[in-house]
């Protein structure tokens, strides 16, 4: 979410909408990757009931790792 719109519920609305669509399609798990150093995003996803399940080493072009997260739907 663009910095001008952070802390206004935009990310929550987007994620909640995506989860609703996935549930309607009978999808059981929602996976995502997030930069290991992106602590605000990781915290947000944890608050949204995602769990950190693994790390993908050097996932990004700059060599940073990605944390794989999952949410049971």
N, C-alpha and C. Protein backbone atom coordinates (compact mmCIF):
# COMPACT_ATOMS: atom_id res chain seq x y z
N UNK A 1 0.87 -1.18 0.00
CA UNK A 1 0.00 0.00 0.00
C UNK A 1 0.91 1.24 0.00
N UNK A 2 0.58 2.16 -0.85
CA UNK A 2 1.35 3.40 -0.94
C UNK A 2 1.42 4.07 0.43
N UNK A 3 2.54 4.70 0.72
CA UNK A 3 2.75 5.31 2.04
C UNK A 3 1.67 6.34 2.40
N UNK A 4 1.09 7.02 1.42
CA UNK A 4 0.04 8.00 1.72
C UNK A 4 -1.23 7.36 2.28
N UNK A 5 -1.37 6.05 2.09
CA UNK A 5 -2.61 5.38 2.49
C UNK A 5 -2.40 4.35 3.60
N UNK A 6 -1.22 4.30 4.15
CA UNK A 6 -0.97 3.34 5.24
C UNK A 6 -1.65 3.81 6.52
N UNK A 7 -1.97 2.84 7.37
CA UNK A 7 -2.62 3.08 8.66
C UNK A 7 -4.04 3.64 8.51
N UNK A 8 -4.66 3.34 7.36
CA UNK A 8 -6.03 3.80 7.12
C UNK A 8 -6.97 2.63 6.82
N UNK A 9 -6.47 1.41 7.00
CA UNK A 9 -7.32 0.24 6.79
C UNK A 9 -7.35 -0.29 5.36
N UNK A 10 -6.58 0.32 4.47
CA UNK A 10 -6.61 -0.09 3.07
C UNK A 10 -6.08 -1.52 2.91
N UNK A 11 -4.95 -1.82 3.52
CA UNK A 11 -4.37 -3.16 3.40
C UNK A 11 -5.32 -4.22 3.98
N UNK A 12 -5.93 -3.90 5.09
CA UNK A 12 -6.88 -4.85 5.69
C UNK A 12 -8.07 -5.10 4.76
N UNK A 13 -8.59 -4.05 4.16
CA UNK A 13 -9.71 -4.23 3.23
C UNK A 13 -9.30 -5.06 2.02
N UNK A 14 -8.13 -4.79 1.47
CA UNK A 14 -7.66 -5.56 0.31
C UNK A 14 -7.47 -7.03 0.67
N UNK A 15 -6.80 -7.28 1.79
CA UNK A 15 -6.54 -8.66 2.19
C UNK A 15 -7.83 -9.38 2.55
N UNK A 16 -8.72 -8.73 3.27
CA UNK A 16 -10.00 -9.34 3.64
C UNK A 16 -10.82 -9.68 2.40
N UNK A 17 -10.78 -8.81 1.39
CA UNK A 17 -11.49 -9.08 0.15
C UNK A 17 -10.90 -10.28 -0.58
N UNK A 18 -9.57 -10.33 -0.63
CA UNK A 18 -8.91 -11.47 -1.28
C UNK A 18 -9.26 -12.78 -0.57
N UNK A 19 -9.24 -12.76 0.76
CA UNK A 19 -9.57 -13.95 1.54
C UNK A 19 -11.01 -14.38 1.27
N UNK A 20 -11.92 -13.44 1.20
CA UNK A 20 -13.33 -13.76 0.91
C UNK A 20 -13.47 -14.42 -0.45
N UNK A 21 -12.78 -13.88 -1.45
CA UNK A 21 -12.84 -14.46 -2.79
C UNK A 21 -12.28 -15.88 -2.80
N UNK A 22 -11.17 -16.08 -2.12
CA UNK A 22 -10.56 -17.41 -2.07
C UNK A 22 -11.46 -18.41 -1.36
N UNK A 23 -12.07 -17.99 -0.27
CA UNK A 23 -12.99 -18.87 0.45
C UNK A 23 -14.17 -19.26 -0.43
N UNK A 24 -14.68 -18.30 -1.20
CA UNK A 24 -15.81 -18.57 -2.10
C UNK A 24 -15.45 -19.61 -3.16
N UNK A 25 -14.16 -19.66 -3.49
CA UNK A 25 -13.68 -20.64 -4.47
C UNK A 25 -13.22 -21.94 -3.82
N UNK A 26 -13.48 -22.06 -2.52
CA UNK A 26 -13.13 -23.27 -1.75
C UNK A 26 -11.61 -23.50 -1.66
N UNK A 27 -10.86 -22.41 -1.73
CA UNK A 27 -9.41 -22.49 -1.54
C UNK A 27 -9.17 -22.68 -0.05
N UNK A 28 -8.27 -23.60 0.31
CA UNK A 28 -8.07 -23.93 1.72
C UNK A 28 -6.87 -23.24 2.37
N UNK A 29 -5.88 -22.83 1.56
CA UNK A 29 -4.68 -22.19 2.11
C UNK A 29 -4.27 -21.03 1.23
N UNK A 30 -3.80 -19.98 1.87
CA UNK A 30 -3.34 -18.76 1.20
C UNK A 30 -1.87 -18.60 1.56
N UNK A 31 -0.99 -18.73 0.57
CA UNK A 31 0.45 -18.57 0.77
C UNK A 31 0.90 -17.23 0.22
N UNK A 32 1.92 -16.65 0.85
CA UNK A 32 2.55 -15.44 0.33
C UNK A 32 4.01 -15.41 0.77
N UNK A 33 4.79 -14.60 0.07
CA UNK A 33 6.18 -14.36 0.45
C UNK A 33 6.31 -12.88 0.81
N UNK A 34 7.12 -12.62 1.80
CA UNK A 34 7.38 -11.24 2.22
C UNK A 34 8.86 -11.12 2.55
N UNK A 35 9.41 -9.97 2.26
CA UNK A 35 10.84 -9.77 2.56
C UNK A 35 11.11 -10.01 4.05
N UNK A 36 12.18 -10.70 4.31
CA UNK A 36 12.54 -11.03 5.70
C UNK A 36 12.69 -9.76 6.55
N UNK A 37 13.19 -8.70 5.97
CA UNK A 37 13.40 -7.46 6.70
C UNK A 37 12.20 -6.54 6.77
N UNK A 38 11.09 -6.94 6.18
CA UNK A 38 9.90 -6.09 6.18
C UNK A 38 9.05 -6.42 7.42
N UNK A 39 9.52 -5.95 8.56
CA UNK A 39 8.87 -6.26 9.83
C UNK A 39 7.45 -5.71 9.95
N UNK A 40 7.17 -4.51 9.43
CA UNK A 40 5.78 -4.05 9.50
C UNK A 40 4.82 -4.97 8.74
N UNK A 41 5.22 -5.42 7.56
CA UNK A 41 4.36 -6.31 6.78
C UNK A 41 4.21 -7.66 7.47
N UNK A 42 5.31 -8.20 7.97
CA UNK A 42 5.23 -9.48 8.67
C UNK A 42 4.31 -9.39 9.88
N UNK A 43 4.40 -8.30 10.62
CA UNK A 43 3.54 -8.10 11.78
C UNK A 43 2.07 -8.00 11.36
N UNK A 44 1.82 -7.29 10.28
CA UNK A 44 0.46 -7.15 9.76
C UNK A 44 -0.12 -8.53 9.41
N UNK A 45 0.66 -9.33 8.68
CA UNK A 45 0.16 -10.65 8.27
C UNK A 45 -0.06 -11.56 9.49
N UNK A 46 0.81 -11.47 10.47
CA UNK A 46 0.61 -12.27 11.69
C UNK A 46 -0.69 -11.85 12.38
N UNK A 47 -0.96 -10.55 12.43
CA UNK A 47 -2.23 -10.08 13.02
C UNK A 47 -3.43 -10.58 12.22
N UNK A 48 -3.22 -10.86 10.94
CA UNK A 48 -4.28 -11.38 10.08
C UNK A 48 -4.28 -12.91 10.05
N UNK A 49 -3.63 -13.51 11.03
CA UNK A 49 -3.62 -14.97 11.23
C UNK A 49 -2.82 -15.75 10.20
N UNK A 50 -1.79 -15.14 9.63
CA UNK A 50 -0.84 -15.88 8.81
C UNK A 50 0.25 -16.40 9.74
N UNK A 51 0.80 -17.55 9.39
CA UNK A 51 1.90 -18.13 10.15
C UNK A 51 3.14 -18.17 9.26
N UNK A 52 4.29 -17.90 9.85
CA UNK A 52 5.55 -18.01 9.11
C UNK A 52 5.93 -19.48 9.08
N UNK A 53 6.10 -20.03 7.87
CA UNK A 53 6.34 -21.47 7.75
C UNK A 53 7.71 -21.85 7.21
N UNK A 54 8.35 -20.95 6.47
CA UNK A 54 9.69 -21.27 5.96
C UNK A 54 10.35 -20.00 5.45
N UNK A 55 11.62 -20.16 5.05
CA UNK A 55 12.39 -19.05 4.49
C UNK A 55 12.93 -19.50 3.13
N UNK A 56 12.81 -18.63 2.15
CA UNK A 56 13.41 -18.88 0.84
C UNK A 56 14.67 -18.03 0.77
N UNK A 57 15.80 -18.69 0.79
CA UNK A 57 17.09 -18.01 0.80
C UNK A 57 17.34 -17.27 -0.51
N UNK A 58 17.82 -16.05 -0.39
CA UNK A 58 18.19 -15.21 -1.52
C UNK A 58 17.08 -15.15 -2.58
N UNK A 59 15.86 -15.01 -2.15
CA UNK A 59 14.69 -15.03 -3.03
C UNK A 59 14.63 -13.80 -3.93
N UNK A 60 14.98 -12.65 -3.38
CA UNK A 60 14.90 -11.40 -4.14
C UNK A 60 16.20 -11.12 -4.87
N UNK A 61 16.12 -10.31 -5.93
CA UNK A 61 17.29 -10.05 -6.78
C UNK A 61 18.45 -9.40 -6.02
N UNK A 62 18.15 -8.73 -4.90
CA UNK A 62 19.22 -8.12 -4.10
C UNK A 62 19.80 -9.09 -3.07
N UNK A 63 19.34 -10.34 -3.10
CA UNK A 63 19.86 -11.37 -2.20
C UNK A 63 19.12 -11.52 -0.89
N UNK A 64 18.13 -10.67 -0.64
CA UNK A 64 17.38 -10.79 0.61
C UNK A 64 16.50 -12.04 0.59
N UNK A 65 16.36 -12.63 1.76
CA UNK A 65 15.51 -13.80 1.92
C UNK A 65 14.04 -13.39 1.91
N UNK A 66 13.19 -14.38 1.60
CA UNK A 66 11.74 -14.20 1.70
C UNK A 66 11.23 -15.12 2.79
N UNK A 67 10.30 -14.65 3.57
CA UNK A 67 9.61 -15.47 4.56
C UNK A 67 8.30 -15.93 3.91
N UNK A 68 8.10 -17.24 3.89
CA UNK A 68 6.86 -17.80 3.36
C UNK A 68 5.85 -17.86 4.49
N UNK A 69 4.66 -17.34 4.23
CA UNK A 69 3.61 -17.32 5.24
C UNK A 69 2.37 -18.00 4.68
N UNK A 70 1.57 -18.57 5.56
CA UNK A 70 0.35 -19.26 5.15
C UNK A 70 -0.80 -18.92 6.09
N UNK A 71 -1.98 -18.90 5.52
CA UNK A 71 -3.20 -18.71 6.30
C UNK A 71 -4.16 -19.83 5.91
N UNK A 72 -4.64 -20.55 6.92
CA UNK A 72 -5.65 -21.57 6.68
C UNK A 72 -7.00 -20.88 6.50
N UNK A 73 -7.68 -21.22 5.42
CA UNK A 73 -8.96 -20.59 5.17
C UNK A 73 -10.08 -21.52 5.58
